[in-house]
Amino acid sequence: MLGIIFSIAAGICMTFQGVFNTKLSDKIGLWETNTWVQGSAFIITLIVSLVFGTGHIKGIFNVNKLYLTGGILGAIIIFTVMKGISALGPTCSISVILVAQLTSAAIIDAFGLFDSKKISFGTNEYIGVALMLAGIVVFKLKI
């Protein structure tokens, strides 16, 4: 149940962040917004890490170096979400993002990529993705 609550909170926060970032970029610029978002996130997470952190930062030298690209992906995510929302509006853009997330997550699960547990992607999952895509098409229809 806690996983569902956290996932709902993440979805709501991602949507708000995308809209807020898009509006901020209209005023200060796209890369300036990305700098602000990443910088403020760094400061907050640094403080939280210093106060509540239980890990060991020295372990960073023992991980797959590919996993260290999360910050780069964060900058790409912020950029692409802002451009998507600007072009499509929040609802359609977030819908497309969700389908892309679900599909890429399914590929990671199906092949057990990045040391993930291998989980099959069956007929029900394909139907679910198709329904999501159909929903986006129906949403964009001009009747």
Protein backbone atom coordinates (compact mmCIF):
# COMPACT_ATOMS: atom_id res chain seq x y z
CA MET A 1 0.00 0.00 0.00
CA LEU A 2 2.85 2.38 0.83
CA GLY A 3 4.28 1.80 -2.67
CA ILE A 4 0.97 2.90 -4.22
CA ILE A 5 0.86 6.03 -2.05
CA PHE A 6 4.46 6.94 -2.95
CA SER A 7 3.76 6.28 -6.65
CA ILE A 8 0.66 8.50 -6.60
CA ALA A 9 2.63 11.25 -4.85
CA ALA A 10 5.42 10.92 -7.44
CA GLY A 11 2.96 11.18 -10.31
CA ILE A 12 1.30 14.27 -8.85
CA CYS A 13 4.65 15.92 -8.09
CA MET A 14 6.01 15.13 -11.56
CA THR A 15 2.95 16.70 -13.18
CA PHE A 16 3.10 19.82 -11.03
CA GLN A 17 6.86 20.09 -11.54
CA GLY A 18 6.45 19.83 -15.31
CA VAL A 19 3.84 22.59 -15.38
CA PHE A 20 5.75 24.81 -12.92
CA ASN A 21 9.02 24.33 -14.83
CA THR A 22 7.32 25.15 -18.14
CA LYS A 23 5.85 28.36 -16.72
CA LEU A 24 9.17 29.31 -15.11
CA SER A 25 11.02 28.70 -18.38
CA ASP A 26 8.67 31.17 -20.10
CA LYS A 27 10.02 33.84 -17.75
CA ILE A 28 13.70 32.97 -17.24
CA GLY A 29 14.61 30.54 -20.04
CA LEU A 30 14.68 26.79 -20.49
CA TRP A 31 18.24 26.02 -19.42
CA GLU A 32 18.10 28.61 -16.64
CA THR A 33 15.02 26.80 -15.31
CA ASN A 34 16.85 23.48 -15.58
CA THR A 35 19.76 24.99 -13.62
CA TRP A 36 17.41 26.30 -10.93
CA VAL A 37 15.55 22.99 -10.63
CA GLN A 38 18.67 20.83 -10.49
CA GLY A 39 20.47 23.28 -8.17
CA SER A 40 17.63 23.63 -5.69
CA ALA A 41 17.12 19.84 -5.73
CA PHE A 42 20.82 19.37 -5.00
CA ILE A 43 20.70 21.72 -2.02
CA ILE A 44 17.58 20.09 -0.56
CA THR A 45 18.85 16.54 -1.05
CA LEU A 46 22.25 17.45 0.38
CA ILE A 47 20.61 18.80 3.54
CA VAL A 48 18.28 15.80 3.84
CA SER A 49 21.21 13.43 3.23
CA LEU A 50 23.32 15.10 5.92
CA VAL A 51 20.47 14.98 8.44
CA PHE A 52 18.78 11.66 7.63
CA GLY A 53 21.22 9.79 5.37
CA THR A 54 22.05 6.24 6.35
CA GLY A 55 24.10 5.18 3.32
CA HIS A 56 27.78 5.45 2.58
CA ILE A 57 28.81 7.82 -0.23
CA LYS A 58 32.14 5.99 -0.54
CA GLY A 59 30.18 3.12 -2.10
CA ILE A 60 29.79 5.23 -5.24
CA PHE A 61 33.14 3.89 -6.43
CA ASN A 62 31.78 0.33 -6.40
CA VAL A 63 28.73 0.79 -8.63
CA ASN A 64 28.26 0.30 -12.35
CA LYS A 65 29.36 3.64 -13.83
CA LEU A 66 26.22 3.68 -16.04
CA TYR A 67 24.16 4.23 -12.87
CA LEU A 68 25.98 7.52 -12.25
CA THR A 69 24.23 9.11 -15.26
CA GLY A 70 21.03 9.76 -13.30
CA GLY A 71 21.79 13.48 -13.01
CA ILE A 72 22.31 13.71 -16.77
CA LEU A 73 19.01 11.94 -17.30
CA GLY A 74 17.41 14.37 -14.83
CA ALA A 75 18.51 17.33 -16.97
CA ILE A 76 17.19 15.60 -20.11
CA ILE A 77 13.90 14.80 -18.35
CA ILE A 78 13.37 18.38 -17.23
CA PHE A 79 14.14 19.68 -20.73
CA THR A 80 11.92 17.19 -22.56
CA VAL A 81 8.99 17.50 -20.15
CA MET A 82 9.00 21.30 -20.53
CA LYS A 83 9.17 21.05 -24.34
CA GLY A 84 6.43 18.38 -24.37
CA ILE A 85 4.09 20.38 -22.16
CA SER A 86 4.75 23.51 -24.22
CA ALA A 87 3.88 21.68 -27.43
CA LEU A 88 1.03 19.40 -26.32
CA GLY A 89 -0.31 20.82 -23.06
CA PRO A 90 -0.06 19.10 -19.67
CA THR A 91 -2.67 16.35 -20.11
CA CYS A 92 -1.60 15.03 -23.49
CA SER A 93 2.11 15.40 -22.74
CA ILE A 94 1.90 13.58 -19.41
CA SER A 95 -0.22 10.86 -21.05
CA VAL A 96 2.45 10.24 -23.67
CA ILE A 97 5.13 10.32 -20.97
CA LEU A 98 3.23 7.68 -18.96
CA VAL A 99 2.94 5.37 -21.97
CA ALA A 100 6.66 5.81 -22.69
CA GLN A 101 7.51 5.12 -19.03
CA LEU A 102 5.32 2.02 -18.92
CA THR A 103 6.70 0.67 -22.18
CA SER A 104 10.35 1.27 -21.26
CA ALA A 105 9.77 -0.21 -17.78
CA ALA A 106 8.19 -3.28 -19.41
CA ILE A 107 11.24 -3.71 -21.65
CA ILE A 108 13.54 -3.46 -18.62
CA ASP A 109 11.41 -6.04 -16.79
CA ALA A 110 11.02 -8.37 -19.78
CA PHE A 111 14.78 -8.59 -20.38
CA GLY A 112 15.91 -8.19 -16.76
CA LEU A 113 18.05 -5.21 -17.74
CA PHE A 114 20.23 -3.30 -15.25
CA ASP A 115 20.23 -6.18 -12.74
CA SER A 116 16.43 -6.07 -12.48
CA LYS A 117 14.36 -9.15 -11.78
CA LYS A 118 13.08 -10.59 -15.06
CA ILE A 119 9.28 -10.26 -15.28
CA SER A 120 7.28 -11.33 -18.31
CA PHE A 121 5.13 -8.89 -20.26
CA GLY A 122 2.03 -10.73 -21.46
CA THR A 123 -1.17 -10.15 -23.37
CA ASN A 124 -2.87 -8.17 -20.58
CA GLU A 125 0.05 -5.75 -20.45
CA TYR A 126 0.04 -5.26 -24.23
CA ILE A 127 -3.71 -4.60 -24.12
CA GLY A 128 -3.18 -2.11 -21.28
CA VAL A 129 -0.59 -0.14 -23.27
CA ALA A 130 -2.84 -0.22 -26.36
CA LEU A 131 -5.74 1.14 -24.29
CA MET A 132 -3.55 3.93 -22.96
CA LEU A 133 -2.49 4.84 -26.50
CA ALA A 134 -6.12 4.72 -27.63
CA GLY A 135 -7.00 7.04 -24.76
CA ILE A 136 -4.45 9.59 -25.94
CA VAL A 137 -5.85 9.42 -29.49
CA VAL A 138 -9.43 9.82 -28.23
CA PHE A 139 -8.36 12.70 -25.98
CA LYS A 140 -6.82 14.53 -28.96
CA LEU A 141 -9.76 13.90 -31.33
CA LYS A 142 -11.56 17.02 -32.46
CA ILE A 143 -15.22 16.01 -32.70
